[in-house]
């Protein structure tokens, strides 16, 4: 599947969690924090590496 996306700055936020923490809960907390920064964000589920590979593939 081909997607059209404008490429721009990329912010990846990570945290260390414990085994008993819900991944979905932690993601929601990080999303809330990121949105509190006061800048326009688009949440993506792809990793930075996968986005770079996709960009390289489309520019080849």
Protein backbone atom coordinates (compact mmCIF):
# COMPACT_ATOMS: atom_id res chain seq x y z
CA UNK A 1 0.00 0.00 0.00
CA UNK A 2 1.33 3.43 -0.91
CA UNK A 3 0.63 6.40 1.30
CA UNK A 4 1.18 10.06 0.72
CA UNK A 5 2.58 11.81 3.76
CA UNK A 6 4.33 15.12 4.22
CA UNK A 7 7.69 14.49 5.84
CA UNK A 8 8.90 16.77 8.57
CA UNK A 9 10.23 16.79 12.11
CA UNK A 10 9.85 13.54 14.01
CA UNK A 11 9.61 13.28 17.79
CA UNK A 12 9.89 9.83 19.31
CA UNK A 13 9.10 9.51 23.00
CA UNK A 14 10.14 6.48 25.01
CA UNK A 15 10.04 5.46 28.63
CA UNK A 16 11.17 2.55 30.75
CA UNK A 17 8.34 0.61 32.36
CA UNK A 18 7.94 -2.32 34.67
CA UNK A 19 6.56 -5.69 33.61
CA UNK A 20 3.31 -5.07 35.47
CA UNK A 21 2.50 -1.76 33.74
CA UNK A 22 -0.02 -1.75 30.91
CA UNK A 23 1.61 -0.76 27.63
CA UNK A 24 -1.59 0.91 26.45
CA UNK A 25 -1.82 2.94 29.67
CA UNK A 26 1.79 4.09 29.36
CA UNK A 27 1.25 5.03 25.69
CA UNK A 28 -1.79 7.07 26.67
CA UNK A 29 0.22 8.86 29.37
CA UNK A 30 3.01 9.66 26.91
CA UNK A 31 0.47 10.88 24.36
CA UNK A 32 -1.12 13.16 26.97
CA UNK A 33 2.30 14.54 27.92
CA UNK A 34 3.32 15.10 24.27
CA UNK A 35 0.08 16.95 23.54
CA UNK A 36 0.71 19.19 26.55
CA UNK A 37 3.78 20.62 24.78
CA UNK A 38 1.54 23.00 22.86
CA UNK A 39 2.65 22.06 19.34
CA UNK A 40 0.68 20.42 16.55
CA UNK A 41 1.38 16.69 16.58
CA UNK A 42 0.25 13.75 14.50
CA UNK A 43 0.49 10.45 16.32
CA UNK A 44 1.88 7.61 14.24
CA UNK A 45 2.35 4.01 15.22
CA UNK A 46 5.27 3.33 12.90
CA UNK A 47 8.76 3.46 14.37
CA UNK A 48 11.36 6.00 13.28
CA UNK A 49 13.33 3.26 11.50
CA UNK A 50 10.32 2.08 9.51
CA UNK A 51 9.53 5.65 8.43
CA UNK A 52 13.14 6.23 7.30
CA UNK A 53 13.12 2.99 5.29
CA UNK A 54 9.82 3.97 3.69
CA UNK A 55 11.18 7.41 2.76
CA UNK A 56 14.33 5.86 1.27
CA UNK A 57 12.25 3.39 -0.74
CA UNK A 58 10.08 6.16 -2.19
CA UNK A 59 13.08 8.32 -3.10
CA UNK A 60 14.86 5.48 -4.94
